[in-house]
Structures are given as C-alpha cells and as structure tokens.
Amino acid sequence: MRVLACTILMGTMLPAAPARAQTYDPNYPVCLQTYAIGGGYIDCSFASLGQCAASASGRAAQCLNNPYFAQDARKPPRQRGVY
C-alpha cells in the first residue's frame, strides 16, 4: 500500500515543470511588454520611454514604467550657511 501511495505521489509531482518567474531589471526605468499568442514577455532594458517606443513601434507591445526601478536613494549634500 505504501509503495502504491508513493508511486502516485511521485507521479503527480514529476510532470509539473518549474515555472519561470518574470523578472524586472532594477537598473532600468522603462520596460517593454510584448503580447503574443501563447504568451509574451517583459524586457526591462530601456533607459527612456523614447528608446522603448522606438523598439515597440510596429509590434504588439507597450512601454511601461519599471515598478522595481532602484532610484538613487542618496540625499543631496547639505549646504551650510545658505538660507
């Protein structure tokens, strides 16, 4: 009985392929999302909306802001004596 249960359990777990997660590159502020039958993809390798729009032209695609863009978190230097 245990062998049968283990065989059924392994048989249901093996066919499931691991899913590939969509990644957003935090180094670029603009992403290109393409649409296709059976799936599309997101390419976050654009420095500006104009650059992305040129790549999206004539395709089933749109440009969007990268929600994971890592902006520079440094504060500007503090100036003394200037009011």
N, C-alpha and C. Protein backbone atom coordinates (compact mmCIF):
# COMPACT_ATOMS: atom_id res chain seq x y z
N MET A 1 0.81 -1.19 0.00
CA MET A 1 0.00 0.00 0.00
C MET A 1 0.86 1.27 0.00
N ARG A 2 1.95 1.25 0.78
CA ARG A 2 2.83 2.41 0.83
C ARG A 2 3.51 2.65 -0.50
N VAL A 3 3.90 1.58 -1.16
CA VAL A 3 4.57 1.71 -2.45
C VAL A 3 3.62 2.34 -3.47
N LEU A 4 2.38 1.91 -3.45
CA LEU A 4 1.39 2.46 -4.36
C LEU A 4 1.16 3.95 -4.06
N ALA A 5 1.07 4.31 -2.81
CA ALA A 5 0.86 5.72 -2.45
C ALA A 5 2.06 6.57 -2.86
N CYS A 6 3.27 6.07 -2.65
CA CYS A 6 4.48 6.80 -3.05
C CYS A 6 4.56 6.93 -4.57
N THR A 7 4.18 5.90 -5.28
CA THR A 7 4.20 5.94 -6.74
C THR A 7 3.22 6.97 -7.26
N ILE A 8 2.04 7.02 -6.70
CA ILE A 8 1.04 8.01 -7.13
C ILE A 8 1.51 9.41 -6.79
N LEU A 9 2.06 9.58 -5.60
CA LEU A 9 2.55 10.89 -5.19
C LEU A 9 3.68 11.37 -6.10
N MET A 10 4.63 10.53 -6.39
CA MET A 10 5.75 10.90 -7.27
C MET A 10 5.26 11.14 -8.70
N GLY A 11 4.29 10.37 -9.13
CA GLY A 11 3.76 10.53 -10.48
C GLY A 11 3.04 11.86 -10.68
N THR A 12 2.46 12.39 -9.62
CA THR A 12 1.78 13.68 -9.74
C THR A 12 2.74 14.85 -9.59
N MET A 13 3.87 14.65 -8.93
CA MET A 13 4.81 15.74 -8.70
C MET A 13 5.81 15.91 -9.85
N LEU A 14 6.21 14.85 -10.48
CA LEU A 14 7.24 14.93 -11.51
C LEU A 14 6.83 15.67 -12.78
N PRO A 15 5.61 15.47 -13.30
CA PRO A 15 5.29 16.13 -14.56
C PRO A 15 5.20 17.66 -14.47
N ALA A 16 5.05 18.19 -13.29
CA ALA A 16 4.93 19.64 -13.15
C ALA A 16 6.30 20.29 -13.32
N ALA A 17 6.46 21.04 -14.40
CA ALA A 17 7.72 21.74 -14.65
C ALA A 17 7.76 23.02 -13.82
N PRO A 18 8.94 23.41 -13.40
CA PRO A 18 9.03 24.65 -12.62
C PRO A 18 8.67 25.85 -13.48
N ALA A 19 7.95 26.78 -12.90
CA ALA A 19 7.54 27.99 -13.62
C ALA A 19 8.69 28.98 -13.64
N ARG A 20 8.83 29.69 -14.75
CA ARG A 20 9.85 30.70 -14.86
C ARG A 20 9.26 32.04 -14.42
N ALA A 21 9.84 32.62 -13.43
CA ALA A 21 9.32 33.88 -12.90
C ALA A 21 9.73 35.04 -13.81
N GLN A 22 8.82 35.99 -13.94
CA GLN A 22 9.12 37.20 -14.70
C GLN A 22 9.99 38.10 -13.83
N THR A 23 11.08 38.56 -14.40
CA THR A 23 11.97 39.42 -13.64
C THR A 23 12.01 40.81 -14.23
N TYR A 24 12.13 41.77 -13.38
CA TYR A 24 12.27 43.17 -13.78
C TYR A 24 13.68 43.60 -13.39
N ASP A 25 14.43 44.12 -14.34
CA ASP A 25 15.78 44.59 -14.05
C ASP A 25 15.69 45.92 -13.31
N PRO A 26 16.17 46.00 -12.07
CA PRO A 26 16.05 47.24 -11.30
C PRO A 26 16.99 48.34 -11.77
N ASN A 27 17.82 48.08 -12.77
CA ASN A 27 18.78 49.08 -13.25
C ASN A 27 18.20 49.97 -14.34
N TYR A 28 17.07 49.63 -14.89
CA TYR A 28 16.48 50.40 -15.99
C TYR A 28 15.07 50.86 -15.63
N PRO A 29 14.72 52.10 -15.93
CA PRO A 29 13.42 52.64 -15.51
C PRO A 29 12.24 52.30 -16.40
N VAL A 30 12.49 51.78 -17.61
CA VAL A 30 11.40 51.54 -18.57
C VAL A 30 11.43 50.09 -19.05
N CYS A 31 10.24 49.50 -19.16
CA CYS A 31 10.11 48.12 -19.64
C CYS A 31 9.24 48.08 -20.89
N LEU A 32 9.49 47.09 -21.73
CA LEU A 32 8.70 46.84 -22.93
C LEU A 32 7.94 45.54 -22.72
N GLN A 33 6.62 45.61 -22.76
CA GLN A 33 5.79 44.42 -22.62
C GLN A 33 5.25 44.05 -23.99
N THR A 34 5.59 42.86 -24.46
CA THR A 34 5.12 42.39 -25.76
C THR A 34 4.01 41.36 -25.56
N TYR A 35 3.12 41.33 -26.52
CA TYR A 35 1.99 40.41 -26.49
C TYR A 35 2.10 39.45 -27.65
N ALA A 36 1.81 38.18 -27.40
CA ALA A 36 1.84 37.16 -28.45
C ALA A 36 0.85 36.07 -28.09
N ILE A 37 0.41 35.34 -29.09
CA ILE A 37 -0.48 34.21 -28.85
C ILE A 37 0.34 33.14 -28.13
N GLY A 38 -0.14 32.69 -27.01
CA GLY A 38 0.60 31.70 -26.23
C GLY A 38 1.51 32.32 -25.20
N GLY A 39 1.55 33.63 -25.10
CA GLY A 39 2.37 34.29 -24.09
C GLY A 39 3.19 35.42 -24.66
N GLY A 40 3.67 36.24 -23.83
CA GLY A 40 4.51 37.36 -24.21
C GLY A 40 5.65 37.45 -23.21
N TYR A 41 6.33 38.58 -23.22
CA TYR A 41 7.42 38.74 -22.28
C TYR A 41 7.59 40.22 -21.96
N ILE A 42 8.33 40.49 -20.90
CA ILE A 42 8.65 41.85 -20.49
C ILE A 42 10.15 42.00 -20.52
N ASP A 43 10.60 43.04 -21.20
CA ASP A 43 12.03 43.32 -21.33
C ASP A 43 12.32 44.68 -20.69
N CYS A 44 13.01 44.67 -19.57
CA CYS A 44 13.33 45.90 -18.85
C CYS A 44 14.79 46.27 -19.11
N SER A 45 15.06 46.76 -20.31
CA SER A 45 16.43 47.14 -20.65
C SER A 45 16.47 48.49 -21.36
N PHE A 46 15.55 49.38 -21.03
CA PHE A 46 15.47 50.67 -21.72
C PHE A 46 15.69 51.81 -20.74
N ALA A 47 16.46 52.80 -21.18
CA ALA A 47 16.81 53.93 -20.33
C ALA A 47 15.79 55.06 -20.43
N SER A 48 14.95 55.07 -21.48
CA SER A 48 13.97 56.14 -21.63
C SER A 48 12.73 55.61 -22.35
N LEU A 49 11.63 56.36 -22.21
CA LEU A 49 10.39 55.98 -22.91
C LEU A 49 10.56 56.09 -24.42
N GLY A 50 11.32 57.07 -24.89
CA GLY A 50 11.55 57.22 -26.33
C GLY A 50 12.29 56.03 -26.92
N GLN A 51 13.29 55.55 -26.20
CA GLN A 51 14.04 54.38 -26.65
C GLN A 51 13.14 53.15 -26.71
N CYS A 52 12.29 52.99 -25.71
CA CYS A 52 11.36 51.87 -25.68
C CYS A 52 10.33 51.99 -26.79
N ALA A 53 9.80 53.20 -27.00
CA ALA A 53 8.78 53.42 -28.03
C ALA A 53 9.31 53.10 -29.41
N ALA A 54 10.59 53.39 -29.65
CA ALA A 54 11.18 53.07 -30.95
C ALA A 54 11.25 51.55 -31.14
N SER A 55 11.52 50.84 -30.09
CA SER A 55 11.57 49.38 -30.17
C SER A 55 10.18 48.76 -30.28
N ALA A 56 9.18 49.39 -29.68
CA ALA A 56 7.81 48.86 -29.70
C ALA A 56 7.07 49.20 -30.98
N SER A 57 7.58 50.12 -31.78
CA SER A 57 6.90 50.57 -32.97
C SER A 57 6.65 49.43 -33.95
N GLY A 58 5.38 49.28 -34.35
CA GLY A 58 5.01 48.26 -35.32
C GLY A 58 4.81 46.88 -34.73
N ARG A 59 4.87 46.76 -33.44
CA ARG A 59 4.72 45.47 -32.77
C ARG A 59 3.53 45.51 -31.83
N ALA A 60 3.07 44.36 -31.41
CA ALA A 60 2.03 44.29 -30.39
C ALA A 60 2.72 44.41 -29.04
N ALA A 61 3.01 45.66 -28.67
CA ALA A 61 3.79 45.90 -27.45
C ALA A 61 3.43 47.26 -26.88
N GLN A 62 3.80 47.45 -25.62
CA GLN A 62 3.61 48.75 -24.98
C GLN A 62 4.77 48.99 -24.01
N CYS A 63 5.05 50.24 -23.74
CA CYS A 63 6.09 50.62 -22.79
C CYS A 63 5.44 50.95 -21.46
N LEU A 64 6.12 50.60 -20.39
CA LEU A 64 5.61 50.89 -19.06
C LEU A 64 6.76 51.20 -18.12
N ASN A 65 6.45 51.91 -17.07
CA ASN A 65 7.46 52.22 -16.07
C ASN A 65 7.79 50.97 -15.26
N ASN A 66 9.06 50.78 -14.99
CA ASN A 66 9.52 49.65 -14.20
C ASN A 66 9.16 49.88 -12.74
N PRO A 67 8.28 49.03 -12.16
CA PRO A 67 7.89 49.25 -10.77
C PRO A 67 9.00 48.94 -9.77
N TYR A 68 10.06 48.28 -10.22
CA TYR A 68 11.16 47.90 -9.34
C TYR A 68 12.43 48.68 -9.63
N PHE A 69 12.31 49.78 -10.35
CA PHE A 69 13.48 50.59 -10.67
C PHE A 69 14.09 51.13 -9.38
N ALA A 70 15.37 50.86 -9.18
CA ALA A 70 16.07 51.29 -7.97
C ALA A 70 16.64 52.68 -8.19
N GLN A 71 15.90 53.68 -7.76
CA GLN A 71 16.37 55.04 -7.90
C GLN A 71 17.46 55.31 -6.88
N ASP A 72 18.26 56.30 -7.18
CA ASP A 72 19.34 56.68 -6.29
C ASP A 72 18.76 57.23 -4.99
N ALA A 73 19.01 56.58 -3.89
CA ALA A 73 18.42 56.96 -2.62
C ALA A 73 19.28 57.96 -1.83
N ARG A 74 20.40 58.36 -2.41
CA ARG A 74 21.26 59.30 -1.68
C ARG A 74 20.63 60.68 -1.63
N LYS A 75 20.83 61.35 -0.51
CA LYS A 75 20.34 62.71 -0.34
C LYS A 75 21.39 63.69 -0.87
N PRO A 76 20.96 64.84 -1.36
CA PRO A 76 21.94 65.82 -1.81
C PRO A 76 22.75 66.33 -0.62
N PRO A 77 24.00 66.75 -0.85
CA PRO A 77 24.81 67.21 0.27
C PRO A 77 24.20 68.45 0.92
N ARG A 78 24.32 68.50 2.22
CA ARG A 78 23.75 69.63 2.98
C ARG A 78 24.69 70.83 2.88
N GLN A 79 24.14 71.97 2.56
CA GLN A 79 24.94 73.19 2.45
C GLN A 79 24.76 74.01 3.72
N ARG A 80 25.88 74.48 4.25
CA ARG A 80 25.84 75.27 5.47
C ARG A 80 25.91 76.75 5.14
N GLY A 81 25.20 77.52 5.90
CA GLY A 81 25.26 78.97 5.79
C GLY A 81 24.46 79.55 4.65
N VAL A 82 23.78 78.73 3.87
CA VAL A 82 22.97 79.23 2.77
C VAL A 82 21.51 79.11 3.18
N TYR A 83 20.82 80.26 3.24
CA TYR A 83 19.42 80.24 3.66
C TYR A 83 18.55 80.81 2.60
